[in-house]
Protein backbone atom coordinates (compact mmCIF):
# COMPACT_ATOMS: atom_id res chain seq x y z
CA UNK A 1 0.00 0.00 0.00
CA UNK A 2 1.57 3.26 -1.13
CA UNK A 3 -0.52 5.64 0.95
CA UNK A 4 -3.18 4.47 3.44
CA UNK A 5 -4.85 7.89 3.66
CA UNK A 6 -6.15 8.15 0.10
CA UNK A 7 -9.48 9.93 -0.09
CA UNK A 8 -10.93 9.31 -3.56
CA UNK A 9 -14.69 9.21 -4.07
CA UNK A 10 -16.39 6.17 -2.58
CA UNK A 11 -17.66 4.94 -5.97
CA UNK A 12 -14.05 4.65 -7.17
CA UNK A 13 -13.03 2.31 -4.36
CA UNK A 14 -12.80 -1.42 -4.86
CA UNK A 15 -15.23 -3.44 -2.78
CA UNK A 16 -12.53 -4.82 -0.51
CA UNK A 17 -11.06 -1.35 0.04
CA UNK A 18 -14.38 0.24 0.98
CA UNK A 19 -15.23 -2.63 3.33
CA UNK A 20 -11.80 -2.46 5.00
CA UNK A 21 -11.88 1.31 5.49
CA UNK A 22 -15.52 1.82 6.41
CA UNK A 23 -16.36 2.68 10.02
CA UNK A 24 -19.95 3.32 11.01
CA UNK A 25 -19.60 5.39 14.15
CA UNK A 26 -23.09 6.90 13.94
CA UNK A 27 -24.99 3.60 13.50
CA UNK A 28 -26.29 4.67 10.09
CA UNK A 29 -26.29 1.04 8.92
CA UNK A 30 -29.14 0.15 11.22
CA UNK A 31 -31.31 2.81 9.58
CA UNK A 32 -30.15 2.18 6.00
CA UNK A 33 -31.02 -1.52 6.25
CA UNK A 34 -34.38 -0.86 7.86
CA UNK A 35 -37.70 -0.69 6.02
CA UNK A 36 -38.03 3.02 6.88
CA UNK A 37 -37.55 5.88 4.43
CA UNK A 38 -34.38 7.78 5.35
CA UNK A 39 -32.83 11.08 4.26
CA UNK A 40 -29.06 11.04 4.74
CA UNK A 41 -27.93 14.68 5.03
CA UNK A 42 -24.41 16.09 5.03
CA UNK A 43 -21.92 18.30 3.23
CA UNK A 44 -19.84 16.98 0.37
CA UNK A 45 -17.05 14.80 1.71
CA UNK A 46 -18.89 13.83 4.90
CA UNK A 47 -19.26 10.16 3.92
CA UNK A 48 -22.83 9.88 2.54
CA UNK A 49 -21.85 7.95 -0.59
CA UNK A 50 -19.68 5.59 1.42
CA UNK A 51 -22.56 4.79 3.79
CA UNK A 52 -24.95 4.07 0.92
CA UNK A 53 -22.45 2.03 -1.10
CA UNK A 54 -21.43 0.01 1.96
CA UNK A 55 -25.08 -0.98 2.37
CA UNK A 56 -25.64 -1.77 -1.32
CA UNK A 57 -25.99 -5.45 -2.11
CA UNK A 58 -22.68 -5.89 -4.01
CA UNK A 59 -20.70 -4.58 -1.05
CA UNK A 60 -22.86 -6.18 1.61
CA UNK A 61 -22.67 -9.62 -0.04
CA UNK A 62 -18.90 -9.24 -0.48
CA UNK A 63 -18.54 -8.39 3.21
CA UNK A 64 -20.47 -11.55 4.15
CA UNK A 65 -18.22 -13.62 1.89
CA UNK A 66 -15.11 -12.13 3.49
CA UNK A 67 -16.53 -13.10 6.88
CA UNK A 68 -17.37 -16.61 5.55
CA UNK A 69 -21.07 -16.04 6.20
CA UNK A 70 -24.03 -17.13 4.12
CA UNK A 71 -25.43 -14.50 1.75
CA UNK A 72 -28.60 -12.93 3.13
CA UNK A 73 -31.19 -11.97 0.51
CA UNK A 74 -33.72 -10.51 2.95
CA UNK A 75 -32.46 -6.99 2.25
CA UNK A 76 -31.10 -5.95 -1.14
CA UNK A 77 -29.73 -2.41 -1.49
CA UNK A 78 -29.74 -0.93 -4.99
CA UNK A 79 -27.30 1.97 -5.32
CA UNK A 80 -28.29 4.72 -7.81
CA UNK A 81 -25.98 7.68 -8.30
CA UNK A 82 -27.83 10.73 -9.62
CA UNK A 83 -24.70 12.16 -11.23
CA UNK A 84 -24.81 9.39 -13.86
CA UNK A 85 -24.80 10.33 -17.54
CA UNK A 86 -28.44 9.38 -18.03
CA UNK A 87 -29.59 12.12 -15.66
CA UNK A 88 -27.68 14.67 -17.71
CA UNK A 89 -29.95 13.94 -20.66
CA UNK A 90 -32.51 16.66 -20.06
CA UNK A 91 -33.67 17.52 -23.55
CA UNK A 92 -37.22 16.71 -22.45
CA UNK A 93 -37.24 19.95 -20.46
CA UNK A 94 -37.53 21.73 -23.82
CA UNK A 95 -41.00 20.24 -24.32
CA UNK A 96 -43.74 22.86 -24.19
CA UNK A 97 -46.29 20.62 -22.50
CA UNK A 98 -45.76 20.46 -18.71
CA UNK A 99 -47.60 17.14 -18.48
CA UNK A 100 -45.25 15.59 -21.03
CA UNK A 101 -42.27 16.99 -19.12
CA UNK A 102 -43.54 15.36 -15.94
CA UNK A 103 -44.15 12.04 -17.69
CA UNK A 104 -40.65 11.93 -19.14
CA UNK A 105 -39.04 13.02 -15.85
CA UNK A 106 -40.73 10.11 -14.10
CA UNK A 107 -39.93 7.81 -17.02
CA UNK A 108 -36.18 8.50 -16.69
CA UNK A 109 -36.21 8.08 -12.92
CA UNK A 110 -38.12 4.79 -13.04
CA UNK A 111 -36.02 3.57 -15.97
CA UNK A 112 -32.70 4.14 -14.16
CA UNK A 113 -33.92 2.52 -10.93
CA UNK A 114 -35.36 -0.46 -12.81
CA UNK A 115 -32.16 -1.01 -14.81
CA UNK A 116 -30.05 -0.90 -11.65
CA UNK A 117 -32.44 -3.30 -9.90
CA UNK A 118 -32.22 -5.92 -12.67
CA UNK A 119 -28.45 -5.46 -13.06
CA UNK A 120 -27.92 -6.16 -9.36
CA UNK A 121 -29.99 -9.35 -9.56
CA UNK A 122 -28.16 -10.52 -12.70
CA UNK A 123 -24.70 -9.77 -11.36
CA UNK A 124 -24.95 -10.60 -7.69
CA UNK A 125 -27.81 -13.08 -7.27
CA UNK A 126 -27.17 -15.64 -10.08
CA UNK A 127 -26.59 -18.62 -7.81
CA UNK A 128 -29.85 -18.34 -5.93
CA UNK A 129 -31.79 -17.68 -9.13
CA UNK A 130 -30.52 -20.96 -10.60
CA UNK A 131 -32.39 -22.83 -7.90
CA UNK A 132 -35.73 -21.36 -9.03
CA UNK A 133 -38.29 -22.50 -11.57
CA UNK A 134 -38.38 -19.39 -13.77
CA UNK A 135 -41.47 -20.35 -15.79
CA UNK A 136 -43.72 -18.54 -13.34
CA UNK A 137 -41.62 -15.39 -13.78
CA UNK A 138 -41.75 -15.73 -17.59
CA UNK A 139 -45.55 -15.95 -17.48
CA UNK A 140 -45.86 -12.89 -15.29
CA UNK A 141 -43.58 -10.87 -17.57
CA UNK A 142 -45.72 -11.83 -20.53
CA UNK A 143 -49.08 -11.26 -18.83
CA UNK A 144 -48.22 -7.99 -17.06
CA UNK A 145 -45.61 -6.33 -19.30
CA UNK A 146 -46.12 -8.22 -22.58
CA UNK A 147 -42.45 -9.22 -22.53
CA UNK A 148 -41.96 -12.64 -24.07
CA UNK A 149 -38.83 -14.27 -22.66
CA UNK A 150 -39.37 -17.59 -24.40
CA UNK A 151 -36.93 -20.13 -22.95
CA UNK A 152 -34.33 -17.44 -22.22
CA UNK A 153 -33.26 -16.05 -18.88
CA UNK A 154 -36.16 -13.68 -18.06
CA UNK A 155 -33.89 -11.26 -16.20
CA UNK A 156 -31.56 -10.93 -19.17
CA UNK A 157 -34.52 -10.39 -21.50
CA UNK A 158 -35.97 -7.78 -19.14
CA UNK A 159 -32.62 -6.00 -18.93
CA UNK A 160 -32.31 -5.89 -22.71
CA UNK A 161 -35.87 -4.55 -22.97
CA UNK A 162 -35.09 -1.74 -20.52
CA UNK A 163 -31.87 -0.85 -22.32
CA UNK A 164 -33.79 -0.72 -25.60
CA UNK A 165 -36.36 1.62 -24.01
CA UNK A 166 -33.49 3.84 -22.85
CA UNK A 167 -32.04 4.04 -26.38
CA UNK A 168 -35.44 4.69 -27.97
CA UNK A 169 -36.28 7.39 -25.44
CA UNK A 170 -33.09 9.29 -26.07
CA UNK A 171 -33.49 8.89 -29.83
CA UNK A 172 -36.97 10.45 -29.74
CA UNK A 173 -35.99 13.32 -27.48
CA UNK A 174 -32.79 14.14 -29.37
CA UNK A 175 -34.90 15.11 -32.40
CA UNK A 176 -36.07 18.16 -30.41
CA UNK A 177 -39.69 17.81 -31.47
CA UNK A 178 -42.70 18.08 -29.19
CA UNK A 179 -43.13 14.30 -29.18
CA UNK A 180 -42.43 11.93 -26.34
CA UNK A 181 -42.29 8.15 -25.84
CA UNK A 182 -45.80 6.73 -25.64
CA UNK A 183 -44.54 3.74 -23.64
CA UNK A 184 -43.17 5.89 -20.82
CA UNK A 185 -42.68 4.14 -17.49
CA UNK A 186 -44.14 5.24 -14.19
CA UNK A 187 -43.82 4.26 -10.56
CA UNK A 188 -47.25 2.64 -10.24
CA UNK A 189 -47.49 1.19 -13.75
CA UNK A 190 -44.02 -0.35 -13.89
CA UNK A 191 -41.75 -0.22 -10.81
CA UNK A 192 -44.30 -1.45 -8.23
CA UNK A 193 -45.53 -4.29 -10.52
CA UNK A 194 -41.89 -5.16 -11.33
CA UNK A 195 -41.11 -5.57 -7.63
CA UNK A 196 -44.20 -7.80 -7.28
CA UNK A 197 -43.07 -9.92 -10.22
CA UNK A 198 -39.57 -10.37 -8.78
CA UNK A 199 -40.96 -11.25 -5.36
CA UNK A 200 -43.04 -14.00 -6.95
CA UNK A 201 -39.83 -16.05 -6.88
CA UNK A 202 -39.42 -17.97 -3.65
CA UNK A 203 -35.85 -16.73 -3.16
CA UNK A 204 -37.04 -13.09 -3.12
CA UNK A 205 -40.44 -13.57 -1.47
CA UNK A 206 -39.21 -12.06 1.83
CA UNK A 207 -36.81 -9.55 0.27
CA UNK A 208 -37.02 -5.87 1.09
CA UNK A 209 -35.57 -3.68 -1.67
CA UNK A 210 -33.71 -0.58 -0.52
CA UNK A 211 -33.30 2.01 -3.25
CA UNK A 212 -30.23 4.02 -2.28
CA UNK A 213 -30.53 7.35 -4.13
CA UNK A 214 -27.24 9.25 -3.89
CA UNK A 215 -26.97 13.05 -4.45
CA UNK A 216 -30.70 13.54 -4.95
CA UNK A 217 -30.21 17.31 -4.85
CA UNK A 218 -29.03 16.94 -8.48
CA UNK A 219 -32.48 15.81 -9.63
CA UNK A 220 -34.71 18.38 -11.27
CA UNK A 221 -37.67 19.71 -9.29
CA UNK A 222 -40.15 17.41 -11.01
CA UNK A 223 -38.13 14.33 -10.09
CA UNK A 224 -37.64 15.55 -6.51
CA UNK A 225 -41.40 15.87 -6.13
CA UNK A 226 -41.88 12.42 -7.66
CA UNK A 227 -39.37 10.90 -5.27
CA UNK A 228 -41.14 12.57 -2.36
CA UNK A 229 -44.47 11.18 -3.55
CA UNK A 230 -42.96 7.70 -3.41
CA UNK A 231 -41.71 8.46 0.10
CA UNK A 232 -45.24 9.50 1.08
CA UNK A 233 -46.70 6.25 -0.33
CA UNK A 234 -47.91 4.35 2.71
CA UNK A 235 -47.04 0.73 1.86
CA UNK A 236 -43.30 0.20 2.27
CA UNK A 237 -43.34 -3.49 3.07
CA UNK A 238 -41.55 -4.38 -0.18
CA UNK A 239 -39.32 -1.34 -0.72
CA UNK A 240 -38.04 1.82 0.92
CA UNK A 241 -36.02 4.83 -0.17
CA UNK A 242 -32.73 5.96 1.32
CA UNK A 243 -32.00 9.40 -0.14
CA UNK A 244 -28.79 11.39 0.33
CA UNK A 245 -28.70 15.17 -0.07
CA UNK A 246 -26.06 17.77 0.73
CA UNK A 247 -28.27 20.22 2.59
CA UNK A 248 -32.04 20.67 3.05
CA UNK A 249 -32.24 24.01 1.21
CA UNK A 250 -30.93 22.34 -1.97
CA UNK A 251 -33.89 19.98 -1.91
CA UNK A 252 -37.66 20.47 -1.88
CA UNK A 253 -39.82 18.34 0.41
CA UNK A 254 -43.04 18.68 -1.57
CA UNK A 255 -44.90 15.97 -3.50
CA UNK A 256 -46.40 16.20 -6.97
CA UNK A 257 -49.69 17.29 -5.38
CA UNK A 258 -48.00 20.05 -3.30
CA UNK A 259 -48.24 18.00 -0.13
CA UNK A 260 -45.36 17.97 2.34
CA UNK A 261 -43.40 14.99 3.54
CA UNK A 262 -42.62 15.27 7.24
CA UNK A 263 -39.67 14.08 9.27
CA UNK A 264 -40.73 11.46 11.77
CA UNK A 265 -43.92 10.74 9.84
CA UNK A 266 -42.79 9.96 6.29
CA UNK A 267 -39.06 9.62 6.79
CA UNK A 268 -36.19 9.62 9.28
CA UNK A 269 -33.38 12.19 8.93
CA UNK A 270 -29.78 11.13 9.61
CA UNK A 271 -26.86 13.57 9.55
CA UNK A 272 -23.40 12.42 8.45
CA UNK A 273 -21.67 15.45 9.94
CA UNK A 274 -21.03 14.35 13.49
CA UNK A 275 -21.24 16.57 16.49
CA UNK A 276 -18.06 18.62 16.36
CA UNK A 277 -17.64 19.40 20.03
CA UNK A 278 -15.16 17.53 22.19
CA UNK A 279 -12.75 14.64 22.36
CA UNK A 280 -15.52 12.25 23.36
CA UNK A 281 -17.96 13.49 20.71
CA UNK A 282 -19.12 11.40 17.76
CA UNK A 283 -16.72 13.06 15.35
CA UNK A 284 -13.77 12.96 17.73
CA UNK A 285 -14.21 9.22 18.18
CA UNK A 286 -14.82 8.64 14.48
CA UNK A 287 -11.74 10.63 13.40
CA UNK A 288 -9.55 8.68 15.81
CA UNK A 289 -10.91 5.32 14.64
CA UNK A 290 -10.56 6.16 10.95
CA UNK A 291 -6.93 7.25 11.22
CA UNK A 292 -6.02 4.39 13.56
CA UNK A 293 -7.49 1.84 11.15
CA UNK A 294 -5.57 3.37 8.25
CA UNK A 295 -2.36 3.21 10.26
CA UNK A 296 -3.03 -0.44 11.16
CA UNK A 297 -3.73 -1.38 7.54
CA UNK A 298 -0.38 0.16 6.67
CA UNK A 299 1.26 -2.27 9.08
CA UNK A 300 1.62 -0.35 12.36
CA UNK A 301 -0.59 -2.16 14.86
CA UNK A 302 0.23 -0.49 18.16
CA UNK A 303 0.61 3.14 17.08
CA UNK A 304 -2.07 5.69 18.01
CA UNK A 305 -2.96 8.64 15.75
CA UNK A 306 -1.42 10.96 18.35
CA UNK A 307 1.87 9.02 18.13
CA UNK A 308 1.82 8.84 14.34
CA UNK A 309 1.14 12.58 14.03
CA UNK A 310 3.10 14.00 17.01
CA UNK A 311 2.90 17.64 18.00
CA UNK A 312 5.90 19.93 17.66
CA UNK A 313 7.79 19.54 20.96
CA UNK A 314 8.19 23.31 21.37
CA UNK A 315 4.48 23.90 20.77
CA UNK A 316 3.57 21.13 23.19
CA UNK A 317 5.89 22.55 25.85
CA UNK A 318 4.65 26.13 25.40
CA UNK A 319 0.97 25.12 25.53
CA UNK A 320 1.61 23.12 28.69
CA UNK A 321 3.38 26.06 30.36
CA UNK A 322 0.63 28.54 29.50
CA UNK A 323 -1.99 26.09 30.71
CA UNK A 324 -0.24 25.87 34.08
CA UNK A 325 0.14 29.66 34.21
CA UNK A 326 -3.55 30.28 33.45
CA UNK A 327 -4.56 27.56 35.89
CA UNK A 328 -2.77 29.42 38.68
CA UNK A 329 -4.50 32.65 37.62
CA UNK A 330 -7.86 30.87 37.82
CA UNK A 331 -7.08 29.53 41.30
CA UNK A 332 -6.33 33.10 42.41
CA UNK A 333 -9.67 34.31 41.02
CA UNK A 334 -11.89 31.43 42.12
CA UNK A 335 -11.93 29.18 45.14
CA UNK A 336 -9.70 26.14 44.61
CA UNK A 337 -12.61 23.77 45.14
CA UNK A 338 -14.62 25.32 42.32
CA UNK A 339 -13.09 23.09 39.66
CA UNK A 340 -15.74 23.85 37.05
CA UNK A 341 -15.06 27.60 36.99
CA UNK A 342 -11.32 27.01 37.03
CA UNK A 343 -11.51 24.56 34.13
CA UNK A 344 -13.78 26.89 32.16
CA UNK A 345 -11.28 29.72 32.65
CA UNK A 346 -8.38 27.52 31.53
CA UNK A 347 -10.33 26.36 28.49
CA UNK A 348 -11.07 29.93 27.44
CA UNK A 349 -7.68 31.51 27.95
CA UNK A 350 -4.80 28.96 28.05
CA UNK A 351 -4.38 28.52 24.30
CA UNK A 352 -5.22 32.18 23.72
CA UNK A 353 -2.34 33.18 26.03
CA UNK A 354 0.06 31.18 23.89
CA UNK A 355 -0.95 33.08 20.77
CA UNK A 356 -0.97 36.45 22.56
CA UNK A 357 2.55 36.02 23.87
CA UNK A 358 4.16 35.03 20.60
CA UNK A 359 6.71 37.46 19.17
CA UNK A 360 4.93 39.55 16.49
CA UNK A 361 7.98 39.04 14.26
CA UNK A 362 8.02 35.28 14.73
CA UNK A 363 7.01 32.78 12.06
CA UNK A 364 3.56 31.23 12.05
CA UNK A 365 2.84 28.88 14.98
CA UNK A 366 4.18 25.36 14.36
CA UNK A 367 0.82 23.78 13.56
CA UNK A 368 1.17 20.01 14.05
CA UNK A 369 -0.28 17.08 15.96
CA UNK A 370 -3.34 14.91 15.46
CA UNK A 371 -5.52 17.25 17.54
CA UNK A 372 -4.82 20.17 15.22
CA UNK A 373 -5.21 18.04 12.08
CA UNK A 374 -8.62 16.88 13.28
CA UNK A 375 -9.73 20.41 14.12
CA UNK A 376 -8.60 21.64 10.71
CA UNK A 377 -11.04 19.15 9.12
CA UNK A 378 -14.00 21.20 10.46
CA UNK A 379 -15.89 17.92 10.86
CA UNK A 380 -15.55 16.79 7.22
CA UNK A 381 -13.98 13.37 6.63
CA UNK A 382 -12.40 14.29 3.30
CA UNK A 383 -10.75 17.29 4.95
CA UNK A 384 -9.42 14.97 7.65
CA UNK A 385 -7.80 12.58 5.18
CA UNK A 386 -6.36 15.10 2.72
CA UNK A 387 -3.62 16.56 4.97
CA UNK A 388 -2.80 13.05 6.27
CA UNK A 389 -2.40 11.84 2.69
CA UNK A 390 -0.09 14.68 1.73
CA UNK A 391 1.95 14.43 4.90
CA UNK A 392 2.43 10.70 4.38
CA UNK A 393 3.40 11.24 0.74
CA UNK A 394 6.01 13.85 1.70
CA UNK A 395 7.38 11.72 4.55
CA UNK A 396 7.61 8.61 2.37
CA UNK A 397 10.02 10.44 0.08
CA UNK A 398 12.25 11.47 3.00
CA UNK A 399 12.48 8.43 5.26
CA UNK A 400 11.17 4.93 6.08
CA UNK A 401 7.85 5.57 7.81
CA UNK A 402 7.48 1.93 8.86
CA UNK A 403 10.78 2.24 10.70
CA UNK A 404 10.20 5.71 12.16
CA UNK A 405 6.51 5.03 12.97
CA UNK A 406 5.57 8.70 12.82
CA UNK A 407 5.47 11.76 10.56
CA UNK A 408 7.82 14.55 11.60
CA UNK A 409 6.14 17.73 12.91
CA UNK A 410 8.02 19.93 10.43
CA UNK A 411 6.50 17.96 7.53
CA UNK A 412 3.06 18.39 9.09
CA UNK A 413 3.65 22.15 9.50
CA UNK A 414 4.71 22.61 5.88
CA UNK A 415 1.76 20.66 4.49
CA UNK A 416 -0.72 22.54 6.68
CA UNK A 417 0.64 25.91 5.55
CA UNK A 418 0.56 24.78 1.90
CA UNK A 419 -3.03 23.57 2.18
CA UNK A 420 -4.08 26.75 3.97
CA UNK A 421 -2.61 28.90 1.20
CA UNK A 422 -4.24 26.72 -1.47
CA UNK A 423 -7.60 27.12 0.27
CA UNK A 424 -7.27 30.90 0.06
CA UNK A 425 -6.05 30.80 -3.56
CA UNK A 426 -8.99 28.63 -4.61
CA UNK A 427 -11.45 31.41 -3.78
CA UNK A 428 -10.38 33.54 -6.75
CA UNK A 429 -8.69 30.91 -8.93
CA UNK A 430 -11.20 28.04 -8.86
CA UNK A 431 -14.50 29.26 -7.43
CA UNK A 432 -15.59 31.44 -10.42
CA UNK A 433 -15.41 28.46 -12.80
CA UNK A 434 -16.64 25.73 -10.45
CA UNK A 435 -19.69 27.20 -8.71
CA UNK A 436 -22.83 28.06 -10.66
CA UNK A 437 -23.64 31.77 -10.40
CA UNK A 438 -20.18 32.78 -9.18
CA UNK A 439 -18.42 35.54 -11.08
CA UNK A 440 -14.89 36.90 -10.65
CA UNK A 441 -16.41 39.92 -8.90
CA UNK A 442 -18.34 37.74 -6.44
CA UNK A 443 -15.25 35.64 -5.78
CA UNK A 444 -13.29 38.78 -4.88
CA UNK A 445 -16.13 39.90 -2.60
CA UNK A 446 -16.08 36.53 -0.83
CA UNK A 447 -12.31 36.80 -0.47
CA UNK A 448 -12.69 40.24 1.13
CA UNK A 449 -15.36 38.91 3.48
CA UNK A 450 -13.20 36.03 4.69
CA UNK A 451 -10.10 38.21 5.06
CA UNK A 452 -12.10 40.59 7.27
CA UNK A 453 -13.60 37.71 9.25
CA UNK A 454 -10.09 36.39 9.86
CA UNK A 455 -8.94 39.84 11.00
CA UNK A 456 -11.89 40.08 13.38
CA UNK A 457 -11.18 36.67 14.89
CA UNK A 458 -7.49 37.54 15.26
CA UNK A 459 -8.31 40.85 17.00
CA UNK A 460 -10.45 38.94 19.47
CA UNK A 461 -7.77 36.30 19.99
CA UNK A 462 -5.11 38.88 20.84
CA UNK A 463 -7.33 41.06 23.05
CA UNK A 464 -6.78 40.15 26.70
CA UNK A 465 -10.21 41.47 27.67
CA UNK A 466 -12.16 39.63 24.97
CA UNK A 467 -14.86 37.24 26.05
CA UNK A 468 -14.43 33.83 24.39
CA UNK A 469 -11.28 34.94 22.50
CA UNK A 470 -10.97 31.76 20.41
CA UNK A 471 -14.44 31.90 18.83
CA UNK A 472 -14.16 31.29 15.06
CA UNK A 473 -17.83 30.91 14.09
CA UNK A 474 -20.46 33.60 13.67
CA UNK A 475 -24.17 34.25 13.53
CA UNK A 476 -25.90 36.98 11.56
CA UNK A 477 -27.89 39.55 13.51
CA UNK A 478 -29.93 42.67 12.69
CA UNK A 479 -30.90 41.31 9.27
CA UNK A 480 -33.76 43.83 9.26
CA UNK A 481 -31.23 46.70 8.92
CA UNK A 482 -30.57 45.82 5.28
CA UNK A 483 -32.96 45.83 2.33
CA UNK A 484 -34.33 42.69 0.69
CA UNK A 485 -32.03 43.16 -2.29
CA UNK A 486 -29.01 43.51 0.01
CA UNK A 487 -30.10 40.42 1.90
CA UNK A 488 -30.23 38.47 -1.37
CA UNK A 489 -26.70 39.62 -2.21
CA UNK A 490 -25.33 38.56 1.18
CA UNK A 491 -27.07 35.19 1.18
CA UNK A 492 -25.92 34.52 -2.38
CA UNK A 493 -22.29 35.11 -1.40
CA UNK A 494 -22.71 32.77 1.57
CA UNK A 495 -24.35 30.19 -0.71
CA UNK A 496 -21.43 30.27 -3.14
CA UNK A 497 -18.91 29.97 -0.29
CA UNK A 498 -20.78 26.96 1.07
CA UNK A 499 -20.94 25.19 -2.28
CA UNK A 500 -17.21 25.77 -2.69
CA UNK A 501 -16.64 24.14 0.70
CA UNK A 502 -15.09 27.03 2.61
CA UNK A 503 -18.14 27.78 4.75
CA UNK A 504 -20.48 25.52 6.69
CA UNK A 505 -23.97 26.37 7.87
CA UNK A 506 -25.07 24.56 10.98
CA UNK A 507 -27.94 24.57 13.44
CA UNK A 508 -27.54 24.59 17.20
CA UNK A 509 -29.27 25.61 20.39
CA UNK A 510 -29.58 29.33 21.03
CA UNK A 511 -29.12 31.17 24.32
CA UNK A 512 -32.89 31.33 24.73
CA UNK A 513 -34.14 28.02 26.12
CA UNK A 514 -35.86 25.77 23.58
CA UNK A 515 -34.79 27.79 20.53
CA UNK A 516 -32.35 27.12 17.71
CA UNK A 517 -30.27 29.37 15.55
CA UNK A 518 -28.22 29.11 12.37
CA UNK A 519 -24.51 29.76 12.63
CA UNK A 520 -21.68 29.78 10.09
CA UNK A 521 -18.25 28.20 10.43
CA UNK A 522 -15.52 29.06 7.92
CA UNK A 523 -13.33 26.09 7.00
CA UNK A 524 -10.63 25.97 9.67
CA UNK A 525 -7.93 25.17 7.11
CA UNK A 526 -8.13 28.88 6.20
CA UNK A 527 -6.80 30.00 9.56
CA UNK A 528 -3.14 28.79 9.74
CA UNK A 529 -2.13 31.42 7.16
CA UNK A 530 -3.78 34.04 9.39
CA UNK A 531 -1.99 32.74 12.49
CA UNK A 532 -5.27 31.81 14.18
CA UNK A 533 -5.89 28.91 16.52
CA UNK A 534 -7.73 26.16 14.56
CA UNK A 535 -8.65 24.55 17.88
CA UNK A 536 -11.34 27.16 18.24
CA UNK A 537 -13.96 27.41 20.93
CA UNK A 538 -17.48 26.34 20.21
CA UNK A 539 -18.69 29.87 20.66
CA UNK A 540 -20.21 32.15 18.04
CA UNK A 541 -19.75 35.85 17.52
CA UNK A 542 -22.88 37.75 16.52
CA UNK A 543 -22.19 40.07 13.55
CA UNK A 544 -24.69 42.51 12.08
CA UNK A 545 -25.70 41.76 8.50
CA UNK A 546 -24.79 45.30 7.44
CA UNK A 547 -21.21 44.85 8.63
CA UNK A 548 -20.82 41.54 6.78
CA UNK A 549 -22.12 43.13 3.60
CA UNK A 550 -19.76 46.09 3.87
CA UNK A 551 -16.84 43.76 4.54
CA UNK A 552 -17.65 41.82 1.36
CA UNK A 553 -18.63 44.60 -1.04
CA UNK A 554 -16.45 47.49 0.17
CA UNK A 555 -13.64 45.66 1.98
CA UNK A 556 -14.49 47.55 5.17
CA UNK A 557 -13.06 45.98 8.31
CA UNK A 558 -15.62 44.48 10.65
CA UNK A 559 -15.42 46.86 13.62
CA UNK A 560 -14.07 45.52 16.88
CA UNK A 561 -13.39 47.81 19.81
CA UNK A 562 -13.58 47.93 23.57
CA UNK A 563 -17.13 49.30 23.51
CA UNK A 564 -18.26 46.00 22.05
CA UNK A 565 -16.78 43.99 24.93
CA UNK A 566 -19.52 44.88 27.40
CA UNK A 567 -22.18 43.29 25.17
CA UNK A 568 -20.14 40.39 23.82
CA UNK A 569 -21.20 37.86 26.40
CA UNK A 570 -24.86 38.34 25.47
CA UNK A 571 -24.13 37.65 21.81
CA UNK A 572 -22.10 34.49 22.21
CA UNK A 573 -23.48 30.98 22.56
CA UNK A 574 -21.16 28.64 24.45
CA UNK A 575 -20.87 24.92 23.71
CA UNK A 576 -18.45 22.27 24.87
CA UNK A 577 -14.88 22.47 23.55
CA UNK A 578 -13.70 20.34 20.68
CA UNK A 579 -10.74 18.49 22.11
CA UNK A 580 -9.93 19.95 25.53
CA UNK A 581 -10.11 17.12 28.04
CA UNK A 582 -9.92 18.50 31.56
């Protein structure tokens, strides 16, 4: 194995690789293999595709074989990726008749699902099919679908028929006339009867079919409504839908009749972005297990992630000294028995003191260590693996990693600084050509916004009187101060930044009991170049919408002065720390 930290897309992994690397820390498998409808929600790179593919029948059956277990046909997962070429064929949207558009949209969706269903049975269930008398299936195909299989394999005949329908459909639509296929497929006229026909075989009589729809936000609005209508369909004894989307606002939860599908009633929502709070949180545990397993597969069985990615000794020593110094300060302020207040004080100010006391002329802090690498991921698995991959690649060229059993801190530092600079460069170099609706002007505005956010966070970090000095997330306040058109401009810039992966929008509890609020977290890989602490506090700074807009459009610094300090505490929501373990 050249590099155990590779992070290619899940659909490019071999079955054995995906099975070996997969860790289900959030118990998603239990929900994916259930008969419930599930929406799997998470940012790009958070592991949605891997979860779905791991639970698809090809991978599940391979896993059982590797464990020398009998193949279980009671649950068959059919993986459908919406970024496939067939979904890019959207000439039917040029039709003038809305009814015809809807018919063809459903036709394509049903056609793709049906093809994948039959392909999975042909490829991965051949042995059990051989034990069946297929004459009953042949009769049903003829009576229900008028498909004459003769003495041939009915599944092969059905697959060829579906492929022929696909070719004919595209041929008709490519002529750009107002015609459409008269034999268009629908959910109730084809897919439901097809499932009934397949389940007429004894080997599939108790099978539940899980249709694993990946990246459903890429469907058009008609197909999203159709999919939701299938979710709302009450009888899910034979099939269920597991649908992955990046974020709720990129998807509509309405049916074809304008009804709503409701969480808890029609589906269960599962989030692949784990709680990003402390060392014992879901994501902290998951990150440790993922990296440890990769290290073990490389051949190092007794090495922890902290040992493999050690912290710079000088940084470790300095942080320890400032922690002791601040601890003594806290003991002088609070009674020694009040451990909670002392620990809270240390959590807030120990790391901040390290950054405040650095020589202004000194180089950037020596960012290194597994804790910092994990924090830099901002809770995204792909962002966790990328720096590890590059560090390993660099170290492999310089020394025998198997012999050394770790990656030198200076290599970690260099890679982190390189990745941080690349993240900043991508805003103006890549974003305008990779995000729909982003122009060069908007990219420059987003760059100005993030530069000013970084300056604000740094001012807070260095101010000895700042409340929660290491806060690196923000909420938007006083939205009513700007006009609707200005609000659209600001939200559009935030949308583009989120699609590009440098900003994350999350929901958490607000200061008022029982309420929730939206907050934004810039990707932490941006902050090493700015000399900020990526091990930020889970606190959010409230920033007026007007100030954010001025920072983006006019490059005006977001004001921060002593007058703000008195009101800061009221505008900051405190959560548990990410990795501080008292």
